[in-house]
Structure formats: structure tokens, C-alpha cells
Amino acid sequence: MTGTHLTKISIVLAALVALSACGNTIRGMGKDTANAVDATQDAGRSVEKAAN
């Protein structure tokens, strides 16, 4: 293999790693958002029960 082939393969591998990292970050943000919504709903229910 020549140097240019190795360079191209390295660039493709780096791009794949970067894209997979972005996918994990977006998935984590979705889970965090869902947890925040659940916590907010639970807090609202607690306030409602306390008011009754």
C-alpha cells in the first residue's frame, strides 16, 4: 500500500469514529431530556398531592 491509500483509510476511519461519538452524544442527550421530563412530571404530581 502506498502512503496515499493509508491516508485515505485513516481519514475514513477517523470520520467513522467521529460519527459514532456524535451518535452516542445525541442518544445520551435524548435520555437526559426524557429523565428531566419524568422528574418534572413527578414533581408536579407531588405538588398536586400536597395541595389536596
PDB file of N, CA and C in Angstrom:
ATOM      1  N   MET A   1       0.841  -1.185   0.000  1.00  0.00           N
ATOM      2  CA  MET A   1       0.000   0.000   0.000  1.00  0.00           C
ATOM      3  C   MET A   1       0.882   1.244   0.000  1.00  0.00           C
ATOM      4  N   THR A   2       0.393   2.209  -0.689  1.00  0.00           N
ATOM      5  CA  THR A   2       1.139   3.459  -0.725  1.00  0.00           C
ATOM      6  C   THR A   2       0.673   4.371   0.402  1.00  0.00           C
ATOM      7  N   GLY A   3       1.394   5.448   0.583  1.00  0.00           N
ATOM      8  CA  GLY A   3       1.059   6.401   1.633  1.00  0.00           C
ATOM      9  C   GLY A   3      -0.301   7.029   1.425  1.00  0.00           C
ATOM     10  N   THR A   4      -0.684   7.251   0.162  1.00  0.00           N
ATOM     11  CA  THR A   4      -1.982   7.895  -0.081  1.00  0.00           C
ATOM     12  C   THR A   4      -3.138   6.967   0.289  1.00  0.00           C
ATOM     13  N   HIS A   5      -2.959   5.665   0.058  1.00  0.00           N
ATOM     14  CA  HIS A   5      -4.003   4.724   0.441  1.00  0.00           C
ATOM     15  C   HIS A   5      -4.167   4.688   1.962  1.00  0.00           C
ATOM     16  N   LEU A   6      -3.060   4.674   2.666  1.00  0.00           N
ATOM     17  CA  LEU A   6      -3.122   4.665   4.126  1.00  0.00           C
ATOM     18  C   LEU A   6      -3.749   5.953   4.654  1.00  0.00           C
ATOM     19  N   THR A   7      -3.453   7.054   4.010  1.00  0.00           N
ATOM     20  CA  THR A   7      -4.038   8.330   4.419  1.00  0.00           C
ATOM     21  C   THR A   7      -5.543   8.317   4.230  1.00  0.00           C
ATOM     22  N   LYS A   8      -5.993   7.824   3.083  1.00  0.00           N
ATOM     23  CA  LYS A   8      -7.431   7.764   2.808  1.00  0.00           C
ATOM     24  C   LYS A   8      -8.143   6.845   3.798  1.00  0.00           C
ATOM     25  N   ILE A   9      -7.547   5.692   4.088  1.00  0.00           N
ATOM     26  CA  ILE A   9      -8.147   4.756   5.036  1.00  0.00           C
ATOM     27  C   ILE A   9      -8.198   5.382   6.429  1.00  0.00           C
ATOM     28  N   SER A  10      -7.143   6.089   6.812  1.00  0.00           N
ATOM     29  CA  SER A  10      -7.112   6.753   8.120  1.00  0.00           C
ATOM     30  C   SER A  10      -8.185   7.821   8.225  1.00  0.00           C
ATOM     31  N   ILE A  11      -8.398   8.575   7.158  1.00  0.00           N
ATOM     32  CA  ILE A  11      -9.424   9.616   7.155  1.00  0.00           C
ATOM     33  C   ILE A  11     -10.811   9.000   7.292  1.00  0.00           C
ATOM     34  N   VAL A  12     -11.068   7.928   6.579  1.00  0.00           N
ATOM     35  CA  VAL A  12     -12.374   7.258   6.660  1.00  0.00           C
ATOM     36  C   VAL A  12     -12.600   6.704   8.062  1.00  0.00           C
ATOM     37  N   LEU A  13     -11.588   6.072   8.639  1.00  0.00           N
ATOM     38  CA  LEU A  13     -11.729   5.532   9.995  1.00  0.00           C
ATOM     39  C   LEU A  13     -11.957   6.646  11.014  1.00  0.00           C
ATOM     40  N   ALA A  14     -11.249   7.751  10.876  1.00  0.00           N
ATOM     41  CA  ALA A  14     -11.437   8.881  11.787  1.00  0.00           C
ATOM     42  C   ALA A  14     -12.852   9.441  11.666  1.00  0.00           C
ATOM     43  N   ALA A  15     -13.363   9.520  10.448  1.00  0.00           N
ATOM     44  CA  ALA A  15     -14.723  10.025  10.240  1.00  0.00           C
ATOM     45  C   ALA A  15     -15.745   9.087  10.879  1.00  0.00           C
ATOM     46  N   LEU A  16     -15.538   7.788  10.753  1.00  0.00           N
ATOM     47  CA  LEU A  16     -16.460   6.826  11.363  1.00  0.00           C
ATOM     48  C   LEU A  16     -16.450   6.927  12.878  1.00  0.00           C
ATOM     49  N   VAL A  17     -15.283   7.090  13.457  1.00  0.00           N
ATOM     50  CA  VAL A  17     -15.191   7.239  14.914  1.00  0.00           C
ATOM     51  C   VAL A  17     -15.903   8.510  15.361  1.00  0.00           C
ATOM     52  N   ALA A  18     -15.682   9.603  14.629  1.00  0.00           N
ATOM     53  CA  ALA A  18     -16.321  10.878  14.984  1.00  0.00           C
ATOM     54  C   ALA A  18     -17.833  10.776  14.885  1.00  0.00           C
ATOM     55  N   LEU A  19     -18.336  10.136  13.841  1.00  0.00           N
ATOM     56  CA  LEU A  19     -19.782   9.996  13.676  1.00  0.00           C
ATOM     57  C   LEU A  19     -20.390   9.111  14.753  1.00  0.00           C
ATOM     58  N   SER A  20     -19.696   8.062  15.148  1.00  0.00           N
ATOM     59  CA  SER A  20     -20.239   7.200  16.198  1.00  0.00           C
ATOM     60  C   SER A  20     -20.255   7.940  17.531  1.00  0.00           C
ATOM     61  N   ALA A  21     -19.267   8.774  17.772  1.00  0.00           N
ATOM     62  CA  ALA A  21     -19.248   9.566  19.004  1.00  0.00           C
ATOM     63  C   ALA A  21     -20.421  10.550  19.021  1.00  0.00           C
ATOM     64  N   CYS A  22     -20.714  11.149  17.880  1.00  0.00           N
ATOM     65  CA  CYS A  22     -21.855  12.074  17.798  1.00  0.00           C
ATOM     66  C   CYS A  22     -23.162  11.338  18.065  1.00  0.00           C
ATOM     67  N   GLY A  23     -23.289  10.143  17.520  1.00  0.00           N
ATOM     68  CA  GLY A  23     -24.498   9.352  17.736  1.00  0.00           C
ATOM     69  C   GLY A  23     -24.693   9.024  19.199  1.00  0.00           C
ATOM     70  N   ASN A  24     -23.605   8.682  19.894  1.00  0.00           N
ATOM     71  CA  ASN A  24     -23.706   8.383  21.328  1.00  0.00           C
ATOM     72  C   ASN A  24     -24.086   9.626  22.120  1.00  0.00           C
ATOM     73  N   THR A  25     -23.547  10.765  21.737  1.00  0.00           N
ATOM     74  CA  THR A  25     -23.856  12.010  22.440  1.00  0.00           C
ATOM     75  C   THR A  25     -25.325  12.373  22.264  1.00  0.00           C
ATOM     76  N   ILE A  26     -25.831  12.258  21.057  1.00  0.00           N
ATOM     77  CA  ILE A  26     -27.231  12.591  20.786  1.00  0.00           C
ATOM     78  C   ILE A  26     -28.152  11.627  21.536  1.00  0.00           C
ATOM     79  N   ARG A  27     -27.784  10.365  21.554  1.00  0.00           N
ATOM     80  CA  ARG A  27     -28.595   9.375  22.284  1.00  0.00           C
ATOM     81  C   ARG A  27     -28.599   9.699  23.772  1.00  0.00           C
ATOM     82  N   GLY A  28     -27.458  10.072  24.315  1.00  0.00           N
ATOM     83  CA  GLY A  28     -27.369  10.436  25.727  1.00  0.00           C
ATOM     84  C   GLY A  28     -28.184  11.674  26.045  1.00  0.00           C
ATOM     85  N   MET A  29     -28.164  12.650  25.147  1.00  0.00           N
ATOM     86  CA  MET A  29     -28.957  13.857  25.362  1.00  0.00           C
ATOM     87  C   MET A  29     -30.450  13.523  25.377  1.00  0.00           C
ATOM     88  N   GLY A  30     -30.860  12.612  24.523  1.00  0.00           N
ATOM     89  CA  GLY A  30     -32.266  12.193  24.493  1.00  0.00           C
ATOM     90  C   GLY A  30     -32.671  11.539  25.809  1.00  0.00           C
ATOM     91  N   LYS A  31     -31.798  10.698  26.344  1.00  0.00           N
ATOM     92  CA  LYS A  31     -32.095  10.050  27.628  1.00  0.00           C
ATOM     93  C   LYS A  31     -32.156  11.080  28.751  1.00  0.00           C
ATOM     94  N   ASP A  32     -31.219  12.033  28.742  1.00  0.00           N
ATOM     95  CA  ASP A  32     -31.212  13.075  29.769  1.00  0.00           C
ATOM     96  C   ASP A  32     -32.483  13.911  29.703  1.00  0.00           C
ATOM     97  N   THR A  33     -32.916  14.239  28.502  1.00  0.00           N
ATOM     98  CA  THR A  33     -34.140  15.026  28.330  1.00  0.00           C
ATOM     99  C   THR A  33     -35.345  14.251  28.841  1.00  0.00           C
ATOM    100  N   ALA A  34     -35.408  12.974  28.521  1.00  0.00           N
ATOM    101  CA  ALA A  34     -36.519  12.141  28.980  1.00  0.00           C
ATOM    102  C   ALA A  34     -36.531  12.056  30.505  1.00  0.00           C
ATOM    103  N   ASN A  35     -35.356  11.927  31.108  1.00  0.00           N
ATOM    104  CA  ASN A  35     -35.279  11.881  32.574  1.00  0.00           C
ATOM    105  C   ASN A  35     -35.725  13.204  33.186  1.00  0.00           C
ATOM    106  N   ALA A  36     -35.364  14.313  32.568  1.00  0.00           N
ATOM    107  CA  ALA A  36     -35.775  15.624  33.077  1.00  0.00           C
ATOM    108  C   ALA A  36     -37.292  15.788  33.001  1.00  0.00           C
ATOM    109  N   VAL A  37     -37.888  15.319  31.919  1.00  0.00           N
ATOM    110  CA  VAL A  37     -39.345  15.391  31.776  1.00  0.00           C
ATOM    111  C   VAL A  37     -40.014  14.535  32.840  1.00  0.00           C
ATOM    112  N   ASP A  38     -39.495  13.330  33.054  1.00  0.00           N
ATOM    113  CA  ASP A  38     -40.062  12.448  34.076  1.00  0.00           C
ATOM    114  C   ASP A  38     -39.965  13.078  35.462  1.00  0.00           C
ATOM    115  N   ALA A  39     -38.818  13.675  35.767  1.00  0.00           N
ATOM    116  CA  ALA A  39     -38.631  14.303  37.080  1.00  0.00           C
ATOM    117  C   ALA A  39     -39.588  15.483  37.252  1.00  0.00           C
ATOM    118  N   THR A  40     -39.779  16.257  36.195  1.00  0.00           N
ATOM    119  CA  THR A  40     -40.689  17.397  36.259  1.00  0.00           C
ATOM    120  C   THR A  40     -42.125  16.924  36.486  1.00  0.00           C
ATOM    121  N   GLN A  41     -42.522  15.874  35.804  1.00  0.00           N
ATOM    122  CA  GLN A  41     -43.864  15.331  35.983  1.00  0.00           C
ATOM    123  C   GLN A  41     -44.049  14.782  37.398  1.00  0.00           C
ATOM    124  N   ASP A  42     -43.031  14.102  37.917  1.00  0.00           N
ATOM    125  CA  ASP A  42     -43.113  13.581  39.278  1.00  0.00           C
ATOM    126  C   ASP A  42     -43.234  14.721  40.295  1.00  0.00           C
ATOM    127  N   ALA A  43     -42.483  15.778  40.073  1.00  0.00           N
ATOM    128  CA  ALA A  43     -42.556  16.937  40.974  1.00  0.00           C
ATOM    129  C   ALA A  43     -43.942  17.561  40.914  1.00  0.00           C
ATOM    130  N   GLY A  44     -44.499  17.652  39.721  1.00  0.00           N
ATOM    131  CA  GLY A  44     -45.850  18.202  39.576  1.00  0.00           C
ATOM    132  C   GLY A  44     -46.877  17.359  40.301  1.00  0.00           C
ATOM    133  N   ARG A  45     -46.740  16.051  40.229  1.00  0.00           N
ATOM    134  CA  ARG A  45     -47.661  15.162  40.933  1.00  0.00           C
ATOM    135  C   ARG A  45     -47.518  15.325  42.444  1.00  0.00           C
ATOM    136  N   SER A  46     -46.291  15.488  42.908  1.00  0.00           N
ATOM    137  CA  SER A  46     -46.066  15.667  44.346  1.00  0.00           C
ATOM    138  C   SER A  46     -46.705  16.964  44.833  1.00  0.00           C
ATOM    139  N   VAL A  47     -46.577  18.024  44.056  1.00  0.00           N
ATOM    140  CA  VAL A  47     -47.186  19.298  44.427  1.00  0.00           C
ATOM    141  C   VAL A  47     -48.700  19.181  44.431  1.00  0.00           C
ATOM    142  N   GLU A  48     -49.233  18.470  43.443  1.00  0.00           N
ATOM    143  CA  GLU A  48     -50.687  18.300  43.362  1.00  0.00           C
ATOM    144  C   GLU A  48     -51.208  17.529  44.572  1.00  0.00           C
ATOM    145  N   LYS A  49     -50.468  16.462  44.954  1.00  0.00           N
ATOM    146  CA  LYS A  49     -50.898  15.675  46.127  1.00  0.00           C
ATOM    147  C   LYS A  49     -50.804  16.512  47.398  1.00  0.00           C
ATOM    148  N   ALA A  50     -49.796  17.349  47.504  1.00  0.00           N
ATOM    149  CA  ALA A  50     -49.628  18.186  48.697  1.00  0.00           C
ATOM    150  C   ALA A  50     -50.725  19.236  48.776  1.00  0.00           C
ATOM    151  N   ALA A  51     -51.194  19.705  47.624  1.00  0.00           N
ATOM    152  CA  ALA A  51     -52.234  20.733  47.602  1.00  0.00           C
ATOM    153  C   ALA A  51     -53.600  20.169  47.963  1.00  0.00           C
ATOM    154  N   ASN A  52     -53.769  18.887  47.737  1.00  0.00           N
ATOM    155  CA  ASN A  52     -55.072  18.260  48.052  1.00  0.00           C
ATOM    156  C   ASN A  52     -55.066  17.878  49.457  1.00  0.00           C
TER     157      ASN A  52
END
